[in-house]
C-alpha atoms as a PDB file:
ATOM      1  CA  MET A   1     -26.850  90.920 -23.774  1.00  0.00           C
ATOM      2  CA  SER A   2     -25.166  94.183 -23.630  1.00  0.00           C
ATOM      3  CA  ALA A   3     -26.522  97.558 -24.108  1.00  0.00           C
ATOM      4  CA  HIS A   4     -23.559  98.564 -24.933  1.00  0.00           C
ATOM      5  CA  GLN A   5     -22.679  94.965 -26.596  1.00  0.00           C
ATOM      6  CA  ALA A   6     -21.388  94.886 -30.655  1.00  0.00           C
ATOM      7  CA  VAL A   7     -23.557  92.778 -32.525  1.00  0.00           C
ATOM      8  CA  PHE A   8     -22.306  91.759 -35.928  1.00  0.00           C
ATOM      9  CA  PRO A   9     -23.222  89.902 -38.655  1.00  0.00           C
ATOM     10  CA  VAL A  10     -21.552  86.054 -38.195  1.00  0.00           C
ATOM     11  CA  ALA A  11     -20.629  85.683 -41.984  1.00  0.00           C
ATOM     12  CA  ALA A  12     -18.661  88.461 -41.091  1.00  0.00           C
ATOM     13  CA  MET A  13     -17.249  87.565 -38.059  1.00  0.00           C
ATOM     14  CA  ALA A  14     -16.417  83.802 -39.792  1.00  0.00           C
ATOM     15  CA  ARG A  15     -15.483  85.410 -42.602  1.00  0.00           C
ATOM     16  CA  VAL A  16     -12.419  88.024 -40.465  1.00  0.00           C
ATOM     17  CA  LEU A  17     -12.386  84.941 -38.115  1.00  0.00           C
ATOM     18  CA  GLY A  18     -11.011  82.776 -41.410  1.00  0.00           C
ATOM     19  CA  VAL A  19     -13.842  79.797 -40.440  1.00  0.00           C
ATOM     20  CA  SER A  20     -16.760  78.530 -41.715  1.00  0.00           C
ATOM     21  CA  GLN A  21     -19.839  79.473 -40.092  1.00  0.00           C
ATOM     22  CA  ALA A  22     -21.001  75.273 -40.689  1.00  0.00           C
ATOM     23  CA  GLY A  23     -17.639  75.007 -37.826  1.00  0.00           C
ATOM     24  CA  PHE A  24     -18.868  78.240 -35.432  1.00  0.00           C
ATOM     25  CA  HIS A  25     -22.413  76.616 -35.423  1.00  0.00           C
ATOM     26  CA  ALA A  26     -21.223  73.301 -34.818  1.00  0.00           C
ATOM     27  CA  TRP A  27     -18.899  74.462 -31.747  1.00  0.00           C
ATOM     28  CA  ARG A  28     -21.887  77.023 -30.480  1.00  0.00           C
ATOM     29  CA  ARG A  29     -24.124  73.055 -30.007  1.00  0.00           C
ATOM     30  CA  ARG A  30     -20.943  71.088 -28.899  1.00  0.00           C
ATOM     31  CA  PRO A  31     -21.758  69.794 -25.147  1.00  0.00           C
ATOM     32  CA  VAL A  32     -18.886  71.656 -22.849  1.00  0.00           C
ATOM     33  CA  SER A  33     -16.619  68.237 -22.126  1.00  0.00           C
ATOM     34  CA  ALA A  34     -16.536  66.626 -18.623  1.00  0.00           C
ATOM     35  CA  HIS A  35     -13.539  66.989 -18.420  1.00  0.00           C
ATOM     36  CA  ALA A  36     -13.474  70.853 -19.021  1.00  0.00           C
ATOM     37  CA  VAL A  37     -16.386  70.780 -16.036  1.00  0.00           C
ATOM     38  CA  ALA A  38     -14.039  69.089 -13.455  1.00  0.00           C
ATOM     39  CA  ASP A  39     -11.641  71.561 -14.147  1.00  0.00           C
ATOM     40  CA  ALA A  40     -14.524  74.662 -13.013  1.00  0.00           C
ATOM     41  CA  ALA A  41     -15.451  73.034  -9.636  1.00  0.00           C
ATOM     42  CA  LEU A  42     -12.225  71.811  -9.206  1.00  0.00           C
ATOM     43  CA  LEU A  43     -10.786  75.782  -9.119  1.00  0.00           C
ATOM     44  CA  LYS A  44     -13.706  76.638  -7.364  1.00  0.00           C
ATOM     45  CA  ARG A  45     -12.901  74.060  -4.845  1.00  0.00           C
ATOM     46  CA  ILE A  46      -8.949  76.108  -5.310  1.00  0.00           C
ATOM     47  CA  ARG A  47      -9.791  79.229  -4.695  1.00  0.00           C
ATOM     48  CA  THR A  48     -11.880  78.422  -2.118  1.00  0.00           C
ATOM     49  CA  ILE A  49      -8.739  77.884  -0.282  1.00  0.00           C
ATOM     50  CA  HIS A  50      -6.911  79.929  -2.002  1.00  0.00           C
ATOM     51  CA  ALA A  51      -8.770  82.616  -0.253  1.00  0.00           C
ATOM     52  CA  GLY A  52      -9.585  80.948   3.682  1.00  0.00           C
ATOM     53  CA  SER A  53      -5.016  80.889   3.747  1.00  0.00           C
ATOM     54  CA  ARG A  54      -5.381  84.824   3.317  1.00  0.00           C
ATOM     55  CA  GLU A  55      -3.942  84.236   0.082  1.00  0.00           C
ATOM     56  CA  SER A  56      -0.999  82.490   0.388  1.00  0.00           C
ATOM     57  CA  TYR A  57      -0.883  79.575  -0.223  1.00  0.00           C
ATOM     58  CA  GLY A  58       0.851  78.151  -3.484  1.00  0.00           C
ATOM     59  CA  ALA A  59      -0.220  74.696  -5.430  1.00  0.00           C
ATOM     60  CA  PRO A  60       1.686  72.267  -3.048  1.00  0.00           C
ATOM     61  CA  ARG A  61       0.057  73.695  -0.493  1.00  0.00           C
ATOM     62  CA  VAL A  62      -3.397  74.200  -2.288  1.00  0.00           C
ATOM     63  CA  HIS A  63      -2.834  70.246  -2.788  1.00  0.00           C
ATOM     64  CA  ALA A  64      -2.282  69.070   0.629  1.00  0.00           C
ATOM     65  CA  GLU A  65      -5.401  70.849   1.726  1.00  0.00           C
ATOM     66  CA  LEU A  66      -7.315  68.996  -1.353  1.00  0.00           C
ATOM     67  CA  ARG A  67      -5.851  65.982  -0.200  1.00  0.00           C
ATOM     68  CA  ALA A  68      -6.490  66.015   3.109  1.00  0.00           C
ATOM     69  CA  GLY A  69      -9.928  66.384   2.639  1.00  0.00           C
ATOM     70  CA  GLY A  70     -10.127  63.305   1.043  1.00  0.00           C
ATOM     71  CA  GLU A  71      -9.663  65.073  -3.067  1.00  0.00           C
ATOM     72  CA  LYS A  72      -6.897  63.393  -5.207  1.00  0.00           C
ATOM     73  CA  HIS A  73      -5.710  65.483  -7.528  1.00  0.00           C
ATOM     74  CA  GLY A  74      -2.181  65.415  -9.363  1.00  0.00           C
ATOM     75  CA  ARG A  75      -0.310  69.525  -7.716  1.00  0.00           C
ATOM     76  CA  LYS A  76       0.204  70.064 -12.265  1.00  0.00           C
ATOM     77  CA  ARG A  77      -3.492  70.029 -12.461  1.00  0.00           C
ATOM     78  CA  ILE A  78      -3.387  72.127  -9.364  1.00  0.00           C
ATOM     79  CA  ALA A  79      -0.719  74.357 -10.131  1.00  0.00           C
ATOM     80  CA  ARG A  80      -1.567  74.742 -13.844  1.00  0.00           C
ATOM     81  CA  LEU A  81      -5.320  75.677 -12.986  1.00  0.00           C
ATOM     82  CA  MET A  82      -4.036  78.276 -10.036  1.00  0.00           C
ATOM     83  CA  ARG A  83      -2.419  79.485 -12.795  1.00  0.00           C
ATOM     84  CA  ALA A  84      -4.526  80.020 -15.396  1.00  0.00           C
ATOM     85  CA  ALA A  85      -6.067  81.510 -13.338  1.00  0.00           C
ATOM     86  CA  GLY A  86      -2.816  84.190 -11.743  1.00  0.00           C
ATOM     87  CA  LEU A  87      -3.894  82.692  -8.548  1.00  0.00           C
ATOM     88  CA  ILE A  88      -0.304  83.378  -6.752  1.00  0.00           C
ATOM     89  CA  GLY A  89       1.335  81.954  -2.899  1.00  0.00           C
ATOM     90  CA  ALA A  90       3.150  85.008  -1.052  1.00  0.00           C
ATOM     91  CA  SER A  91       5.614  87.228  -2.558  1.00  0.00           C
ATOM     92  CA  ARG A  92       8.460  86.960  -0.542  1.00  0.00           C
ATOM     93  CA  ARG A  93      11.338  90.323   0.665  1.00  0.00           C
ATOM     94  CA  ARG A  94      14.500  91.132   1.602  1.00  0.00           C
ATOM     95  CA  ALA A  95      15.070  91.832   5.484  1.00  0.00           C
ATOM     96  CA  THR A  96      17.367  94.981   5.533  1.00  0.00           C
ATOM     97  CA  ILE A  97      17.772  95.993   9.329  1.00  0.00           C
ATOM     98  CA  VAL A  98      20.142  94.021  11.526  1.00  0.00           C
ATOM     99  CA  THR A  99      17.825  92.884  15.110  1.00  0.00           C
ATOM    100  CA  THR A 100      21.314  91.394  16.477  1.00  0.00           C
ATOM    101  CA  ARG A 101      23.290  93.150  18.431  1.00  0.00           C
ATOM    102  CA  ARG A 102      25.906  90.790  20.914  1.00  0.00           C
ATOM    103  CA  ASP A 103      26.462  92.739  23.704  1.00  0.00           C
ATOM    104  CA  LYS A 104      30.487  92.186  23.764  1.00  0.00           C
ATOM    105  CA  GLU A 105      30.775  91.811  27.753  1.00  0.00           C
ATOM    106  CA  ALA A 106      29.122  89.350  28.048  1.00  0.00           C
ATOM    107  CA  ARG A 107      29.169  85.236  27.291  1.00  0.00           C
ATOM    108  CA  PRO A 108      27.032  83.779  24.815  1.00  0.00           C
ATOM    109  CA  ALA A 109      26.069  80.918  26.353  1.00  0.00           C
ATOM    110  CA  PRO A 110      27.099  77.981  23.963  1.00  0.00           C
ATOM    111  CA  ASP A 111      25.225  76.272  20.979  1.00  0.00           C
ATOM    112  CA  LEU A 112      23.617  73.436  21.606  1.00  0.00           C
ATOM    113  CA  VAL A 113      21.428  73.043  18.008  1.00  0.00           C
ATOM    114  CA  ASP A 114      22.621  72.307  15.189  1.00  0.00           C
ATOM    115  CA  ARG A 115      21.021  71.803  12.567  1.00  0.00           C
ATOM    116  CA  ASP A 116      19.888  68.498  11.906  1.00  0.00           C
ATOM    117  CA  PHE A 117      18.809  68.754  16.393  1.00  0.00           C
ATOM    118  CA  THR A 118      15.331  66.621  16.462  1.00  0.00           C
ATOM    119  CA  ALA A 119      12.718  68.016  19.466  1.00  0.00           C
ATOM    120  CA  PHE A 120      10.310  64.871  20.150  1.00  0.00           C
ATOM    121  CA  ARG A 121       7.782  66.355  21.857  1.00  0.00           C
ATOM    122  CA  PRO A 122       6.657  69.640  23.229  1.00  0.00           C
ATOM    123  CA  ASN A 123       8.579  72.040  25.669  1.00  0.00           C
ATOM    124  CA  GLN A 124      11.731  70.284  24.559  1.00  0.00           C
ATOM    125  CA  LEU A 125      12.697  72.533  22.194  1.00  0.00           C
ATOM    126  CA  TRP A 126      12.116  76.780  22.219  1.00  0.00           C
ATOM    127  CA  VAL A 127      13.706  78.928  20.295  1.00  0.00           C
ATOM    128  CA  ALA A 128      13.375  83.037  19.595  1.00  0.00           C
ATOM    129  CA  ASP A 129      13.833  85.791  17.058  1.00  0.00           C
ATOM    130  CA  LEU A 130      12.747  89.516  16.981  1.00  0.00           C
ATOM    131  CA  PRO A 131      12.454  90.677  14.251  1.00  0.00           C
ATOM    132  CA  TYR A 132      11.826  94.732  12.690  1.00  0.00           C
ATOM    133  CA  VAL A 133       8.790  95.847  11.580  1.00  0.00           C
ATOM    134  CA  ARG A 134       7.942  99.023   9.054  1.00  0.00           C
ATOM    135  CA  LEU A 135       5.078 101.097   9.590  1.00  0.00           C
ATOM    136  CA  GLN A 136       3.988 104.069   8.454  1.00  0.00           C
ATOM    137  CA  GLN A 137       5.767 106.521   9.924  1.00  0.00           C
ATOM    138  CA  GLU A 138       8.474 104.163  12.642  1.00  0.00           C
ATOM    139  CA  PHE A 139      10.237 100.794  12.557  1.00  0.00           C
ATOM    140  CA  VAL A 140       8.377  98.354  15.721  1.00  0.00           C
ATOM    141  CA  TYR A 141      10.267  95.473  16.641  1.00  0.00           C
ATOM    142  CA  VAL A 142       8.284  92.058  17.780  1.00  0.00           C
ATOM    143  CA  ALA A 143       9.712  88.984  19.868  1.00  0.00           C
ATOM    144  CA  VAL A 144       8.579  85.943  19.419  1.00  0.00           C
ATOM    145  CA  VAL A 145       9.126  82.349  20.820  1.00  0.00           C
ATOM    146  CA  LEU A 146       7.796  79.104  18.988  1.00  0.00           C
ATOM    147  CA  ASP A 147       8.227  75.550  20.571  1.00  0.00           C
ATOM    148  CA  ALA A 148      10.724  74.035  17.748  1.00  0.00           C
ATOM    149  CA  PHE A 149       8.739  70.874  18.401  1.00  0.00           C
ATOM    150  CA  SER A 150       5.582  72.152  16.282  1.00  0.00           C
ATOM    151  CA  ARG A 151       6.553  75.393  14.923  1.00  0.00           C
ATOM    152  CA  ARG A 152       3.651  76.897  17.576  1.00  0.00           C
ATOM    153  CA  VAL A 153       4.001  80.550  18.033  1.00  0.00           C
ATOM    154  CA  ILE A 154       3.792  80.162  21.815  1.00  0.00           C
ATOM    155  CA  GLY A 155       4.702  83.940  23.259  1.00  0.00           C
ATOM    156  CA  TRP A 156       5.117  86.950  21.652  1.00  0.00           C
ATOM    157  CA  ALA A 157       5.618  90.755  21.815  1.00  0.00           C
ATOM    158  CA  LEU A 158       5.841  93.743  20.437  1.00  0.00           C
ATOM    159  CA  ASN A 159       7.563  97.283  20.862  1.00  0.00           C
ATOM    160  CA  ARG A 160       9.074 101.462  20.106  1.00  0.00           C
ATOM    161  CA  SER A 161      11.666  99.833  21.497  1.00  0.00           C
ATOM    162  CA  LEU A 162      14.643  96.885  20.838  1.00  0.00           C
ATOM    163  CA  ARG A 163      15.649  96.614  24.432  1.00  0.00           C
ATOM    164  CA  SER A 164      14.638  93.857  25.993  1.00  0.00           C
ATOM    165  CA  THR A 165      11.839  94.171  27.466  1.00  0.00           C
ATOM    166  CA  VAL A 166       9.945  92.948  23.957  1.00  0.00           C
ATOM    167  CA  ALA A 167      11.883  89.614  24.401  1.00  0.00           C
ATOM    168  CA  VAL A 168      11.255  89.634  28.109  1.00  0.00           C
ATOM    169  CA  GLU A 169       7.589  90.198  27.134  1.00  0.00           C
ATOM    170  CA  ALA A 170       7.505  86.999  24.552  1.00  0.00           C
ATOM    171  CA  LEU A 171       9.434  85.064  27.457  1.00  0.00           C
ATOM    172  CA  ARG A 172       6.792  85.318  30.210  1.00  0.00           C
ATOM    173  CA  GLN A 173       3.912  84.777  27.824  1.00  0.00           C
ATOM    174  CA  ALA A 174       5.337  81.322  25.926  1.00  0.00           C
ATOM    175  CA  LEU A 175       6.020  80.415  30.161  1.00  0.00           C
ATOM    176  CA  GLU A 176       2.760  81.339  31.743  1.00  0.00           C
ATOM    177  CA  ASN A 177       1.312  79.777  28.297  1.00  0.00           C
ATOM    178  CA  ARG A 178       3.192  76.134  28.244  1.00  0.00           C
ATOM    179  CA  LYS A 179       4.577  75.886  31.988  1.00  0.00           C
ATOM    180  CA  PRO A 180       7.454  74.106  30.902  1.00  0.00           C
ATOM    181  CA  LEU A 181       8.895  70.827  33.370  1.00  0.00           C
ATOM    182  CA  PRO A 182      13.145  71.741  34.075  1.00  0.00           C
ATOM    183  CA  GLY A 183      15.454  70.760  30.830  1.00  0.00           C
ATOM    184  CA  LEU A 184      13.791  72.441  28.832  1.00  0.00           C
ATOM    185  CA  VAL A 185      15.977  74.315  26.427  1.00  0.00           C
ATOM    186  CA  HIS A 186      15.873  77.336  24.732  1.00  0.00           C
ATOM    187  CA  HIS A 187      17.943  78.975  21.628  1.00  0.00           C
ATOM    188  CA  SER A 188      18.205  82.153  20.573  1.00  0.00           C
ATOM    189  CA  ASP A 189      20.539  84.403  18.483  1.00  0.00           C
ATOM    190  CA  ARG A 190      23.181  86.720  20.115  1.00  0.00           C
ATOM    191  CA  GLY A 191      21.778  89.222  21.024  1.00  0.00           C
ATOM    192  CA  VAL A 192      22.227  91.947  23.242  1.00  0.00           C
ATOM    193  CA  GLN A 193      18.017  91.433  24.466  1.00  0.00           C
ATOM    194  CA  TYR A 194      18.511  87.571  25.252  1.00  0.00           C
ATOM    195  CA  ALA A 195      21.747  87.512  27.387  1.00  0.00           C
ATOM    196  CA  SER A 196      20.351  89.926  29.557  1.00  0.00           C
ATOM    197  CA  HIS A 197      20.355  89.434  32.851  1.00  0.00           C
ATOM    198  CA  ASP A 198      16.356  89.435  33.102  1.00  0.00           C
ATOM    199  CA  TYR A 199      15.585  87.333  30.659  1.00  0.00           C
ATOM    200  CA  THR A 200      18.236  84.974  31.687  1.00  0.00           C
ATOM    201  CA  GLU A 201      17.123  84.599  35.098  1.00  0.00           C
ATOM    202  CA  MET A 202      13.471  84.094  34.176  1.00  0.00           C
ATOM    203  CA  LEU A 203      15.015  80.455  31.537  1.00  0.00           C
ATOM    204  CA  ARG A 204      17.287  80.314  35.287  1.00  0.00           C
ATOM    205  CA  ASN A 205      14.264  80.019  37.179  1.00  0.00           C
ATOM    206  CA  GLN A 206      12.263  78.025  34.830  1.00  0.00           C
ATOM    207  CA  GLY A 207      15.221  75.337  34.805  1.00  0.00           C
ATOM    208  CA  ALA A 208      15.306  75.876  31.423  1.00  0.00           C
ATOM    209  CA  ILE A 209      18.991  75.483  29.568  1.00  0.00           C
ATOM    210  CA  CYS A 210      20.096  78.297  27.233  1.00  0.00           C
ATOM    211  CA  SER A 211      22.049  77.462  24.293  1.00  0.00           C
ATOM    212  CA  MET A 212      23.117  80.000  21.078  1.00  0.00           C
ATOM    213  CA  SER A 213      23.409  81.006  18.056  1.00  0.00           C
ATOM    214  CA  ARG A 214      27.673  79.860  17.146  1.00  0.00           C
ATOM    215  CA  ALA A 215      28.046  83.245  14.971  1.00  0.00           C
ATOM    216  CA  GLY A 216      28.025  82.741  11.382  1.00  0.00           C
ATOM    217  CA  ASN A 217      25.219  80.406  11.633  1.00  0.00           C
ATOM    218  CA  PRO A 218      21.672  81.546  11.169  1.00  0.00           C
ATOM    219  CA  TYR A 219      20.710  77.464  10.428  1.00  0.00           C
ATOM    220  CA  ASP A 220      21.061  76.657  13.803  1.00  0.00           C
ATOM    221  CA  ASN A 221      18.145  78.811  14.465  1.00  0.00           C
ATOM    222  CA  ALA A 222      15.894  77.919  10.860  1.00  0.00           C
ATOM    223  CA  ARG A 223      12.572  77.077  12.578  1.00  0.00           C
ATOM    224  CA  CYS A 224      12.319  81.084  13.740  1.00  0.00           C
ATOM    225  CA  GLU A 225      13.158  82.715  10.571  1.00  0.00           C
ATOM    226  CA  SER A 226      10.469  80.550   8.935  1.00  0.00           C
ATOM    227  CA  PHE A 227       8.651  81.652  11.038  1.00  0.00           C
ATOM    228  CA  LEU A 228       9.307  85.195  10.641  1.00  0.00           C
ATOM    229  CA  LYS A 229       9.473  84.942   6.847  1.00  0.00           C
ATOM    230  CA  THR A 230       5.854  82.843   6.676  1.00  0.00           C
ATOM    231  CA  LEU A 231       4.595  85.754   9.017  1.00  0.00           C
ATOM    232  CA  LYS A 232       6.364  88.907   6.768  1.00  0.00           C
ATOM    233  CA  GLN A 233       5.139  87.177   3.686  1.00  0.00           C
ATOM    234  CA  GLU A 234       1.661  86.736   4.734  1.00  0.00           C
ATOM    235  CA  GLU A 235       0.626  89.204   6.666  1.00  0.00           C
ATOM    236  CA  ILE A 236       2.699  91.916   7.604  1.00  0.00           C
ATOM    237  CA  TYR A 237       4.147  92.507   3.318  1.00  0.00           C
ATOM    238  CA  CYS A 238      -0.226  91.657   2.555  1.00  0.00           C
ATOM    239  CA  ARG A 239      -0.989  95.243   4.246  1.00  0.00           C
ATOM    240  CA  GLU A 240      -0.205  99.079   5.741  1.00  0.00           C
ATOM    241  CA  TYR A 241      -0.696  99.421   9.258  1.00  0.00           C
ATOM    242  CA  ARG A 242      -1.593 103.191  11.263  1.00  0.00           C
ATOM    243  CA  ASP A 243      -0.332 101.949  14.386  1.00  0.00           C
ATOM    244  CA  LEU A 244       1.062  99.920  17.151  1.00  0.00           C
ATOM    245  CA  ASP A 245      -2.167  99.259  17.806  1.00  0.00           C
ATOM    246  CA  ASP A 246      -3.300  98.534  14.597  1.00  0.00           C
ATOM    247  CA  LEU A 247      -0.435  96.196  13.983  1.00  0.00           C
ATOM    248  CA  ARG A 248      -1.060  94.138  16.790  1.00  0.00           C
ATOM    249  CA  HIS A 249      -4.174  93.294  16.320  1.00  0.00           C
ATOM    250  CA  HIS A 250      -3.498  92.027  12.818  1.00  0.00           C
ATOM    251  CA  ILE A 251      -0.587  89.765  14.014  1.00  0.00           C
ATOM    252  CA  GLY A 252      -2.528  87.976  17.129  1.00  0.00           C
ATOM    253  CA  ALA A 253      -5.456  87.587  15.212  1.00  0.00           C
ATOM    254  CA  PHE A 254      -2.912  86.234  12.368  1.00  0.00           C
ATOM    255  CA  ILE A 255      -1.666  83.833  14.839  1.00  0.00           C
ATOM    256  CA  ASP A 256      -3.930  82.669  17.205  1.00  0.00           C
ATOM    257  CA  ASP A 257      -6.892  82.138  14.286  1.00  0.00           C
ATOM    258  CA  TYR A 258      -5.012  81.152  11.191  1.00  0.00           C
ATOM    259  CA  TYR A 259      -1.324  80.725  11.832  1.00  0.00           C
ATOM    260  CA  ASN A 260      -1.702  78.401  14.646  1.00  0.00           C
ATOM    261  CA  PRO A 261      -4.522  76.275  14.172  1.00  0.00           C
ATOM    262  CA  GLN A 262      -4.907  76.875  10.206  1.00  0.00           C
ATOM    263  CA  ARG A 263      -1.893  76.852   8.317  1.00  0.00           C
ATOM    264  CA  LEU A 264      -0.698  74.413   7.139  1.00  0.00           C
ATOM    265  CA  HIS A 265       3.408  72.938   6.928  1.00  0.00           C
ATOM    266  CA  SER A 266       4.832  71.344   4.661  1.00  0.00           C
ATOM    267  CA  ALA A 267       7.563  69.658   7.416  1.00  0.00           C
ATOM    268  CA  LEU A 268       4.988  68.755   9.646  1.00  0.00           C
ATOM    269  CA  GLY A 269       3.090  66.656   6.880  1.00  0.00           C
ATOM    270  CA  TYR A 270       0.962  69.084   6.114  1.00  0.00           C
ATOM    271  CA  LEU A 271      -0.576  69.789   9.014  1.00  0.00           C
ATOM    272  CA  SER A 272      -1.188  72.750  11.563  1.00  0.00           C
ATOM    273  CA  PRO A 273       0.689  73.589  14.534  1.00  0.00           C
ATOM    274  CA  GLU A 274      -2.110  72.962  16.901  1.00  0.00           C
ATOM    275  CA  ALA A 275      -3.134  69.933  14.618  1.00  0.00           C
ATOM    276  CA  PHE A 276       0.271  68.060  14.617  1.00  0.00           C
ATOM    277  CA  GLU A 277       0.614  68.876  18.542  1.00  0.00           C
ATOM    278  CA  ALA A 278      -2.966  67.335  19.146  1.00  0.00           C
ATOM    279  CA  ALA A 279      -2.045  64.540  16.493  1.00  0.00           C
ATOM    280  CA  ALA A 280       1.680  63.178  18.188  1.00  0.00           C
ATOM    281  CA  THR A 281       2.045  60.730  20.228  1.00  0.00           C
ATOM    282  CA  TYR A 282       4.196  61.366  23.895  1.00  0.00           C
ATOM    283  CA  ASP A 283       4.788  60.764  27.416  1.00  0.00           C
ATOM    284  CA  ALA A 284       3.564  64.027  28.462  1.00  0.00           C
ATOM    285  CA  GLY A 285       4.727  63.708  32.003  1.00  0.00           C
ATOM    286  CA  SER A 286       8.606  63.089  31.316  1.00  0.00           C
ATOM    287  CA  ALA A 287      10.930  66.078  31.811  1.00  0.00           C
ATOM    288  CA  ALA A 288      12.326  67.656  28.458  1.00  0.00           C
ATOM    289  CA  ARG A 289      15.986  66.751  29.243  1.00  0.00           C
ATOM    290  CA  MET A 290      18.356  65.485  27.109  1.00  0.00           C
ATOM    291  CA  SER A 291      22.658  64.950  26.206  1.00  0.00           C
ATOM    292  CA  PHE A 292      24.359  66.340  23.991  1.00  0.00           C
ATOM    293  CA  GLU A 293      27.080  64.595  22.915  1.00  0.00           C
ATOM    294  CA  ARG A 294      29.169  67.641  21.006  1.00  0.00           C
ATOM    295  CA  HIS A 295      28.900  69.063  23.933  1.00  0.00           C
ATOM    296  CA  GLU A 296      29.733  67.081  27.008  1.00  0.00           C
ATOM    297  CA  GLU A 297      32.241  69.066  28.391  1.00  0.00           C
ATOM    298  CA  ILE A 298      28.698  71.670  29.173  1.00  0.00           C
ATOM    299  CA  TYR A 299      26.803  71.476  32.123  1.00  0.00           C
ATOM    300  CA  PRO A 300      22.499  70.925  31.845  1.00  0.00           C
ATOM    301  CA  ASN A 301      21.442  74.119  34.087  1.00  0.00           C
ATOM    302  CA  ASP A 302      24.563  75.865  33.068  1.00  0.00           C
ATOM    303  CA  LEU A 303      23.109  78.789  32.722  1.00  0.00           C
ATOM    304  CA  SER A 304      25.775  81.971  33.447  1.00  0.00           C
ATOM    305  CA  LEU A 305      26.514  84.563  30.863  1.00  0.00           C
END
């Protein structure tokens, strides 16, 4: 007992609380219920998973991780324990800066991807986007390229400028990492970065097919938007960065050490992107060519913009 803790007679406390002394002593002798012991043990494991997720997992993902470890518990029970312990998932914020600016002189590529599009193997469909990040003294921009099959980040880059160089660097990294066969579909918005000569020339040389979202249809690029929301909620909004190098270090660690190998995705059956690719069965040697019934008039290798 702490030296600063007040001590009161049992009789006085029982009188103040409106309980009998016999009832108080019976309560003290009563053994802890098996249910309470089980809840305490489960909460300890929940805390470990929550901390391992960078305090970003809510009850659904904690539940999935426990099930992956062979434990069967109700999601409502996990939510109740997390709520009582004050454990919550990452919060959401809204972006306020527009990074998509269309080049009015460029002809956008057709939209070959709608919200029902499904990739059946890696390197069949890549999606790209370029959001801003607010530092203490400036705004910077992060370009990302994802493989839509597994939601895996395969290329990314940072720059203080919104010019095409940051998007080109992310694409170059993705091409070096994956070395896709001809027939890959690359999807983005209609921003000038993705319509630039350098960017489209890299895709053309790879034998890739360029696709761009229709105006006013953000859902066409929902897979990339989902990753960017995760990046902001679970990394960027959780800390302040000193400078561009500090941001680059933390984003690299987030992607390489956590997001790709560890973070569970409900859309992937609660597997991480790397685990999903490892568990999938597909013909890795076949080209990623597809037919698009909605765009029969479009030649597959037409990348002119």
